């Protein structure tokens, strides 16, 4: 019986420690943590090199996406539509298709959304019908700038180098990445950039890389924000009641940790 009681006491103490750690992590976490979006190379899956950041637009809302800027630095954008067969094939909603041009350079951008439970057609499969995939890899982009709220200072995107099956001289470089919120089932958004190759794929990629790093990233994602903690937000919004709520949250696990000592103290006063 003694050993069972000792084990029960240890389990209670351990549970209290774990609960206290959880409460402290929650109170010290950014108050807007649910608003952070995962940006990475995989659909509905976090990879070790993903970014956590806040978006400047709700990419599940077509009305907001329609307000995405048509001017990005020296780049000017014009909306266009694909043929209906493209929309049927994708099994997703194309919220925006826009062509950006600057000094003779051209980049097509698509913002494509898929609801949870549905899936995109893999871009490699989509292009496979009319295009040969010459090369595929993951590229790194330096996007820190003033966005010190980023968990990482680099963004990664998938890259495909493709050529037309009927005309191998017609080539493109394609970049794409995915975005979704951890604590939401609203859907997944894919951003796809593509550009025609004029000289060589690396020169085209360098042009696209500069566009993404210098112009597009700042337009898509929020600039630096001072994110207060949950504890600070509780005090700011609830005042003394917020402080009392935090003390109660901390008191429960502390009582579990020191339950035996509290029992002995209570016994002395009987």
Protein backbone atom coordinates (compact mmCIF):
# COMPACT_ATOMS: atom_id res chain seq x y z
CA UNK A 1 0.00 0.00 0.00
CA UNK A 2 2.88 2.35 0.84
CA UNK A 3 4.43 1.92 -2.61
CA UNK A 4 1.08 2.49 -4.34
CA UNK A 5 0.52 5.68 -2.35
CA UNK A 6 4.05 6.84 -3.16
CA UNK A 7 3.53 6.19 -6.88
CA UNK A 8 0.22 8.06 -6.82
CA UNK A 9 1.90 11.02 -5.10
CA UNK A 10 4.69 11.09 -7.69
CA UNK A 11 2.22 10.89 -10.57
CA UNK A 12 0.23 13.79 -9.09
CA UNK A 13 3.40 15.87 -8.70
CA UNK A 14 4.52 15.08 -12.25
CA UNK A 15 1.10 15.98 -13.63
CA UNK A 16 1.22 19.28 -11.74
CA UNK A 17 4.66 20.11 -13.17
CA UNK A 18 3.51 19.34 -16.73
CA UNK A 19 0.34 21.40 -16.23
CA UNK A 20 2.34 24.33 -14.80
CA UNK A 21 4.71 24.23 -17.78
CA UNK A 22 1.72 24.24 -20.14
CA UNK A 23 0.13 27.23 -18.38
CA UNK A 24 3.41 29.20 -18.47
CA UNK A 25 3.93 28.43 -22.17
CA UNK A 26 0.37 29.54 -22.91
CA UNK A 27 0.67 32.80 -20.96
CA UNK A 28 4.01 33.70 -22.54
CA UNK A 29 2.94 32.78 -26.10
CA UNK A 30 2.13 35.55 -28.63
CA UNK A 31 -1.53 36.49 -28.26
CA UNK A 32 -2.03 36.23 -32.02
CA UNK A 33 -0.42 32.82 -32.42
CA UNK A 34 -3.57 31.42 -34.04
CA UNK A 35 -3.19 34.02 -36.80
CA UNK A 36 0.18 32.70 -37.93
CA UNK A 37 0.36 30.92 -41.26
CA UNK A 38 2.62 28.03 -42.21
CA UNK A 39 4.50 28.71 -45.45
CA UNK A 40 6.36 25.78 -46.95
CA UNK A 41 7.03 23.44 -49.83
CA UNK A 42 4.58 20.72 -48.82
CA UNK A 43 0.77 20.58 -49.06
CA UNK A 44 -0.93 20.28 -45.62
CA UNK A 45 2.35 19.23 -44.03
CA UNK A 46 4.95 21.18 -42.05
CA UNK A 47 8.55 20.62 -43.02
CA UNK A 48 11.56 21.54 -40.89
CA UNK A 49 12.34 24.55 -43.08
CA UNK A 50 8.86 26.11 -43.14
CA UNK A 51 8.15 29.73 -42.19
CA UNK A 52 5.66 30.94 -39.60
CA UNK A 53 4.34 34.40 -40.38
CA UNK A 54 1.27 36.57 -40.71
CA UNK A 55 -0.28 37.23 -44.09
CA UNK A 56 -1.33 40.66 -45.30
CA UNK A 57 -4.48 39.16 -46.88
CA UNK A 58 -6.93 36.36 -46.17
CA UNK A 59 -5.93 34.01 -48.97
CA UNK A 60 -9.15 32.03 -48.54
CA UNK A 61 -11.24 35.11 -49.34
CA UNK A 62 -11.63 36.02 -53.01
CA UNK A 63 -12.86 39.56 -52.21
CA UNK A 64 -9.64 40.31 -50.32
CA UNK A 65 -7.44 38.71 -52.97
CA UNK A 66 -9.01 40.90 -55.66
CA UNK A 67 -7.45 43.87 -53.81
CA UNK A 68 -3.94 42.45 -54.15
CA UNK A 69 -1.79 45.29 -55.58
CA UNK A 70 -1.40 45.48 -59.34
CA UNK A 71 1.74 47.58 -58.92
CA UNK A 72 4.78 46.10 -57.17
CA UNK A 73 7.76 48.41 -57.50
CA UNK A 74 8.50 48.68 -61.23
CA UNK A 75 6.22 45.74 -61.99
CA UNK A 76 2.74 46.30 -63.43
CA UNK A 77 0.08 43.62 -63.23
CA UNK A 78 -2.91 42.70 -65.41
CA UNK A 79 -5.49 40.03 -64.59
CA UNK A 80 -6.29 37.24 -67.04
CA UNK A 81 -8.28 33.99 -67.22
CA UNK A 82 -7.33 30.51 -68.36
CA UNK A 83 -9.58 28.34 -70.48
CA UNK A 84 -12.39 26.60 -68.57
CA UNK A 85 -10.68 23.22 -68.97
CA UNK A 86 -7.81 24.44 -66.77
CA UNK A 87 -10.15 25.31 -63.91
CA UNK A 88 -11.88 21.93 -64.17
CA UNK A 89 -8.58 20.06 -64.19
CA UNK A 90 -7.09 21.74 -61.10
CA UNK A 91 -9.72 20.54 -58.60
CA UNK A 92 -9.22 23.87 -56.83
CA UNK A 93 -10.29 27.50 -57.06
CA UNK A 94 -8.02 29.96 -58.83
CA UNK A 95 -8.64 33.12 -56.86
CA UNK A 96 -6.31 35.30 -58.89
CA UNK A 97 -4.35 35.00 -62.15
CA UNK A 98 -2.17 37.98 -62.93
CA UNK A 99 0.61 38.82 -65.35
CA UNK A 100 3.34 41.13 -63.99
CA UNK A 101 5.74 42.85 -66.39
CA UNK A 102 8.73 45.16 -65.97
CA UNK A 103 11.28 46.35 -68.55
CA UNK A 104 10.48 43.46 -70.87
CA UNK A 105 10.46 40.79 -68.14
CA UNK A 106 7.27 38.80 -67.58
CA UNK A 107 6.00 36.72 -64.63
CA UNK A 108 2.63 35.00 -64.32
CA UNK A 109 1.26 34.63 -60.80
CA UNK A 110 -1.59 32.36 -59.69
CA UNK A 111 -3.17 32.26 -56.23
CA UNK A 112 -4.95 28.91 -55.98
CA UNK A 113 -7.06 27.71 -53.06
CA UNK A 114 -8.19 24.23 -52.06
CA UNK A 115 -10.55 23.47 -49.20
CA UNK A 116 -9.67 20.91 -46.54
CA UNK A 117 -10.58 17.41 -47.61
CA UNK A 118 -9.82 18.25 -51.23
CA UNK A 119 -6.43 18.26 -52.87
CA UNK A 120 -4.54 20.08 -55.57
CA UNK A 121 -3.44 18.25 -58.60
CA UNK A 122 0.32 18.07 -58.15
CA UNK A 123 1.84 20.75 -60.44
CA UNK A 124 4.23 18.11 -61.74
CA UNK A 125 1.25 16.04 -62.89
CA UNK A 126 -0.53 19.08 -64.36
CA UNK A 127 2.49 20.08 -66.42
CA UNK A 128 3.19 16.47 -67.38
CA UNK A 129 0.49 16.47 -70.04
CA UNK A 130 2.03 19.07 -72.33
CA UNK A 131 5.43 19.73 -70.79
CA UNK A 132 8.57 17.78 -69.95
CA UNK A 133 10.04 18.43 -66.51
CA UNK A 134 13.71 18.98 -67.22
CA UNK A 135 14.72 19.72 -63.63
CA UNK A 136 13.12 20.03 -60.21
CA UNK A 137 14.53 21.25 -56.91
CA UNK A 138 13.84 23.37 -53.82
CA UNK A 139 15.18 26.94 -53.93
CA UNK A 140 15.99 29.27 -51.03
CA UNK A 141 14.96 32.93 -50.84
CA UNK A 142 16.27 35.49 -48.36
CA UNK A 143 13.19 37.29 -47.10
CA UNK A 144 14.05 38.53 -43.64
CA UNK A 145 14.26 42.27 -44.30
CA UNK A 146 12.48 44.00 -41.42
CA UNK A 147 10.23 41.01 -40.73
CA UNK A 148 11.87 40.07 -37.42
CA UNK A 149 8.74 38.16 -36.41
CA UNK A 150 9.73 35.39 -38.82
CA UNK A 151 10.68 32.12 -37.18
CA UNK A 152 13.26 31.62 -39.92
CA UNK A 153 15.10 34.12 -42.12
CA UNK A 154 14.76 32.13 -45.31
CA UNK A 155 11.82 31.00 -47.39
CA UNK A 156 11.89 27.91 -49.58
CA UNK A 157 9.84 27.18 -52.68
CA UNK A 158 9.60 24.33 -55.18
CA UNK A 159 11.13 24.93 -58.60
CA UNK A 160 10.38 23.20 -61.90
CA UNK A 161 12.22 23.79 -65.17
CA UNK A 162 9.91 22.68 -67.99
CA UNK A 163 9.90 22.57 -71.79
CA UNK A 164 7.04 22.15 -74.23
CA UNK A 165 6.77 18.60 -75.62
CA UNK A 166 5.86 19.87 -79.08
CA UNK A 167 8.36 22.73 -79.13
CA UNK A 168 11.41 22.18 -76.87
CA UNK A 169 12.46 25.78 -77.50
CA UNK A 170 9.46 26.93 -75.46
CA UNK A 171 10.65 26.73 -71.86
CA UNK A 172 9.49 28.02 -68.48
CA UNK A 173 10.69 28.24 -64.90
CA UNK A 174 7.96 27.56 -62.31
CA UNK A 175 8.07 28.35 -58.58
CA UNK A 176 5.37 27.32 -56.13
CA UNK A 177 4.76 27.03 -52.40
CA UNK A 178 1.86 26.37 -50.01
CA UNK A 179 0.24 28.25 -47.13
CA UNK A 180 -2.16 27.10 -44.42
CA UNK A 181 -3.03 27.97 -40.84
CA UNK A 182 -2.16 25.49 -38.11
CA UNK A 183 -5.36 25.95 -36.13
CA UNK A 184 -7.83 26.26 -38.97
CA UNK A 185 -9.45 24.02 -41.57
CA UNK A 186 -10.24 26.88 -43.97
CA UNK A 187 -8.04 25.48 -46.71
CA UNK A 188 -4.63 25.50 -48.34
CA UNK A 189 -3.39 28.17 -50.72
CA UNK A 190 -0.78 27.58 -53.39
CA UNK A 191 1.17 30.49 -54.84
CA UNK A 192 2.57 29.73 -58.29
CA UNK A 193 4.94 31.91 -60.29
CA UNK A 194 5.96 31.04 -63.83
CA UNK A 195 8.04 32.84 -66.43
CA UNK A 196 9.16 32.14 -70.01
CA UNK A 197 12.85 31.36 -70.50
CA UNK A 198 14.47 33.77 -72.95
CA UNK A 199 18.22 33.31 -72.47
CA UNK A 200 18.68 30.46 -70.00
CA UNK A 201 16.78 29.05 -67.01
CA UNK A 202 19.20 30.46 -64.43
CA UNK A 203 18.84 34.01 -65.74
CA UNK A 204 15.06 33.61 -65.65
CA UNK A 205 15.20 32.24 -62.12
CA UNK A 206 17.42 35.14 -60.99
CA UNK A 207 14.81 37.59 -62.31
CA UNK A 208 12.00 35.73 -60.50
CA UNK A 209 14.05 35.52 -57.31
CA UNK A 210 14.58 39.28 -57.28
CA UNK A 211 10.85 39.84 -57.87
CA UNK A 212 9.91 37.57 -54.97
CA UNK A 213 12.51 38.86 -52.52
CA UNK A 214 12.30 42.57 -53.34
CA UNK A 215 8.62 43.08 -54.14
CA UNK A 216 6.21 40.16 -53.80
CA UNK A 217 7.08 38.95 -50.30
CA UNK A 218 6.52 42.36 -48.70
CA UNK A 219 3.13 42.64 -50.43
CA UNK A 220 1.96 39.17 -49.42
CA UNK A 221 3.02 39.12 -45.79
CA UNK A 222 2.79 41.59 -42.94
CA UNK A 223 5.72 43.75 -41.97
CA UNK A 224 7.17 43.61 -38.47
CA UNK A 225 4.65 43.67 -35.66
CA UNK A 226 5.09 43.82 -31.90
CA UNK A 227 3.12 40.81 -30.73
CA UNK A 228 2.14 41.03 -27.06
CA UNK A 229 1.88 37.86 -25.00
CA UNK A 230 -1.37 36.25 -23.85
CA UNK A 231 -0.59 37.43 -20.29
CA UNK A 232 -0.08 41.02 -21.44
CA UNK A 233 -3.27 40.92 -23.47
CA UNK A 234 -5.27 39.59 -20.48
CA UNK A 235 -4.00 42.41 -18.26
CA UNK A 236 -4.58 45.01 -20.97
CA UNK A 237 -8.15 43.92 -21.70
CA UNK A 238 -9.34 42.60 -18.30
CA UNK A 239 -7.28 44.56 -15.78
CA UNK A 240 -7.47 43.13 -12.25
CA UNK A 241 -9.75 40.32 -13.44
CA UNK A 242 -7.09 39.27 -15.94
CA UNK A 243 -4.51 39.12 -13.16
CA UNK A 244 -6.87 37.05 -11.00
CA UNK A 245 -7.53 34.67 -13.91
CA UNK A 246 -3.79 34.15 -14.43
CA UNK A 247 -3.21 33.55 -10.71
CA UNK A 248 -5.96 30.93 -10.70
CA UNK A 249 -4.45 29.24 -13.75
CA UNK A 250 -1.09 29.08 -11.97
CA UNK A 251 -2.57 28.10 -8.61
CA UNK A 252 -4.12 24.83 -9.80
CA UNK A 253 -0.87 23.12 -10.92
CA UNK A 254 1.05 24.57 -7.95
CA UNK A 255 -1.50 23.01 -5.57
CA UNK A 256 -1.06 19.66 -7.35
CA UNK A 257 2.74 19.85 -7.08
CA UNK A 258 2.68 20.66 -3.36
CA UNK A 259 -0.44 18.68 -2.49
CA UNK A 260 1.33 16.53 0.15
CA UNK A 261 2.82 19.56 1.90
CA UNK A 262 -0.56 21.30 1.83
CA UNK A 263 -2.19 18.22 3.37
CA UNK A 264 0.34 18.21 6.22
CA UNK A 265 -0.20 21.92 6.86
CA UNK A 266 -3.98 21.44 6.86
CA UNK A 267 -3.63 18.52 9.34
CA UNK A 268 -1.70 20.71 11.80
CA UNK A 269 -4.55 23.19 11.96
CA UNK A 270 -7.23 20.59 12.66
